[in-house]
Amino acid sequence: MHITKQLAIFLDNRPGMLARVADALAEAKINIYGITTSDTVDHSVIRLVLDDYRKALHVFEAHGTLVVEDDVLVVDGSNKPGELARIAHRLATAKVNIEYCYSATPPDAKKGLIIMRVSNPAKALKALGGA
């Protein structure tokens, strides 16, 4: 479990935009650890946790892409029923708000990553026993 940077990029909501992002990252040899997208009628927001966010910042800025960076908590959670509830209760007890989270885990994996944007990452890390 650790705190890392997440990049949010804002793009037109049209075919091929995610392919462009993936191509730019692949060309720069940047690996994607976590990704989520959301959309509005005209725009998409792509949130990324990467192995080299600084390099990715330069890549996106060179392409004229609007980028916002945030601290997020990366939790290595057990892949079993109740794990998210356990984490959420600990954070609630510590008065840390979960603003959003995302995760995907293969069904047969023992653990998976949960990426969380929280109101206080350092406090969340401590509440979950990672500090």
Protein backbone atom coordinates (compact mmCIF):
# COMPACT_ATOMS: atom_id res chain seq x y z
CA MET A 1 0.00 0.00 0.00
CA HIS A 2 1.33 3.40 -0.93
CA ILE A 3 0.53 6.90 -2.12
CA THR A 4 1.28 7.66 -5.76
CA LYS A 5 0.38 10.16 -8.47
CA GLN A 6 -2.58 9.78 -10.76
CA LEU A 7 -2.86 11.76 -13.97
CA ALA A 8 -6.25 12.86 -15.26
CA ILE A 9 -6.38 13.91 -18.89
CA PHE A 10 -9.28 15.63 -20.59
CA LEU A 11 -10.08 14.74 -24.20
CA ASP A 12 -12.82 15.11 -26.77
CA ASN A 13 -15.36 12.30 -26.50
CA ARG A 14 -14.92 10.72 -29.93
CA PRO A 15 -13.64 7.48 -31.46
CA GLY A 16 -9.90 6.89 -31.39
CA MET A 17 -8.98 9.15 -28.47
CA LEU A 18 -8.15 6.32 -26.06
CA ALA A 19 -6.12 4.65 -28.82
CA ARG A 20 -4.08 7.86 -29.18
CA VAL A 21 -3.39 7.94 -25.45
CA ALA A 22 -2.41 4.27 -25.39
CA ASP A 23 -0.17 4.75 -28.45
CA ALA A 24 1.60 7.75 -26.92
CA LEU A 25 2.25 5.87 -23.68
CA ALA A 26 3.41 2.73 -25.50
CA GLU A 27 5.76 4.72 -27.71
CA ALA A 28 7.28 6.33 -24.59
CA LYS A 29 7.51 2.87 -22.95
CA ILE A 30 5.24 3.89 -20.07
CA ASN A 31 3.25 1.08 -18.43
CA ILE A 32 -0.33 1.57 -17.24
CA TYR A 33 -1.04 0.14 -13.76
CA GLY A 34 -4.57 1.50 -13.46
CA ILE A 35 -7.04 3.25 -15.75
CA THR A 36 -10.60 4.48 -15.57
CA THR A 37 -12.61 6.63 -17.92
CA SER A 38 -15.73 8.70 -17.52
CA ASP A 39 -17.56 10.79 -20.03
CA THR A 40 -19.87 13.69 -20.60
CA VAL A 41 -21.56 14.53 -23.87
CA ASP A 42 -18.49 16.30 -25.26
CA HIS A 43 -15.51 15.29 -23.13
CA SER A 44 -13.88 12.26 -21.57
CA VAL A 45 -11.75 12.15 -18.46
CA ILE A 46 -9.12 9.41 -18.42
CA ARG A 47 -7.49 8.75 -15.05
CA LEU A 48 -4.21 6.87 -15.12
CA VAL A 49 -1.76 5.40 -12.63
CA LEU A 50 1.50 4.81 -14.46
CA ASP A 51 4.98 3.51 -13.83
CA ASP A 52 6.50 6.91 -14.75
CA TYR A 53 4.01 9.73 -14.29
CA ARG A 54 6.66 12.45 -14.76
CA LYS A 55 7.57 11.12 -18.20
CA ALA A 56 3.86 10.82 -19.04
CA LEU A 57 3.30 14.45 -18.02
CA HIS A 58 5.87 15.51 -20.61
CA VAL A 59 4.30 13.26 -23.25
CA PHE A 60 0.80 14.66 -22.70
CA GLU A 61 1.95 18.27 -22.44
CA ALA A 62 3.93 17.86 -25.69
CA HIS A 63 0.65 16.81 -27.35
CA GLY A 64 -1.18 19.84 -25.89
CA THR A 65 -3.34 17.69 -23.60
CA LEU A 66 -4.79 19.17 -20.42
CA VAL A 67 -3.40 17.14 -17.49
CA VAL A 68 -4.17 17.28 -13.77
CA GLU A 69 -2.17 15.30 -11.22
CA ASP A 70 -3.50 14.08 -7.88
CA ASP A 71 -2.27 11.92 -5.04
CA VAL A 72 -4.09 8.60 -4.81
CA LEU A 73 -3.83 5.67 -2.46
CA VAL A 74 -2.97 2.30 -4.00
CA VAL A 75 -4.17 -0.54 -1.78
CA ASP A 76 -3.07 -4.11 -2.39
CA GLY A 77 -6.27 -5.82 -1.23
CA SER A 78 -7.22 -9.45 -0.88
CA ASN A 79 -9.51 -10.77 -3.60
CA LYS A 80 -12.29 -11.97 -1.31
CA PRO A 81 -15.79 -10.89 -0.31
CA GLY A 82 -15.82 -8.12 2.28
CA GLU A 83 -12.35 -6.71 1.57
CA LEU A 84 -13.64 -3.40 0.21
CA ALA A 85 -16.08 -3.14 3.13
CA ARG A 86 -13.21 -3.65 5.60
CA ILE A 87 -11.14 -0.93 3.94
CA ALA A 88 -14.09 1.48 3.66
CA HIS A 89 -15.00 1.02 7.34
CA ARG A 90 -11.43 1.70 8.47
CA LEU A 91 -11.34 4.89 6.43
CA ALA A 92 -14.76 5.97 7.67
CA THR A 93 -13.66 5.41 11.28
CA ALA A 94 -10.61 7.61 10.58
CA LYS A 95 -12.95 10.25 9.05
CA VAL A 96 -11.32 9.89 5.63
CA ASN A 97 -13.69 10.35 2.70
CA ILE A 98 -13.38 8.08 -0.34
CA GLU A 99 -14.02 10.44 -3.24
CA TYR A 100 -13.84 7.64 -5.80
CA CYS A 101 -12.10 4.33 -6.36
CA TYR A 102 -11.55 1.83 -9.12
CA SER A 103 -10.26 -1.69 -9.38
CA ALA A 104 -10.19 -4.78 -11.53
CA THR A 105 -8.89 -8.17 -10.49
CA PRO A 106 -8.74 -11.48 -12.33
CA PRO A 107 -11.13 -13.92 -10.61
CA ASP A 108 -8.37 -16.38 -9.71
CA ALA A 109 -5.92 -13.77 -8.35
CA LYS A 110 -5.19 -13.77 -4.61
CA LYS A 111 -4.81 -9.97 -4.50
CA GLY A 112 -5.77 -6.95 -6.54
CA LEU A 113 -5.11 -3.23 -6.59
CA ILE A 114 -7.69 -0.74 -5.42
CA ILE A 115 -6.91 2.83 -6.44
CA MET A 116 -8.61 5.40 -4.23
CA ARG A 117 -8.78 9.15 -4.28
CA VAL A 118 -9.32 10.07 -0.66
CA SER A 119 -9.65 13.31 1.26
CA ASN A 120 -6.39 12.77 3.17
CA PRO A 121 -4.00 10.19 1.66
CA ALA A 122 -1.48 10.25 4.55
CA LYS A 123 -4.24 9.74 7.13
CA ALA A 124 -5.76 6.96 5.01
CA LEU A 125 -2.41 5.20 4.76
CA LYS A 126 -2.03 5.33 8.53
CA ALA A 127 -5.62 4.12 9.11
CA LEU A 128 -4.97 1.10 6.90
CA GLY A 129 -1.73 0.25 8.67
CA GLY A 130 0.60 1.37 5.92
CA ALA A 131 2.39 4.22 7.68
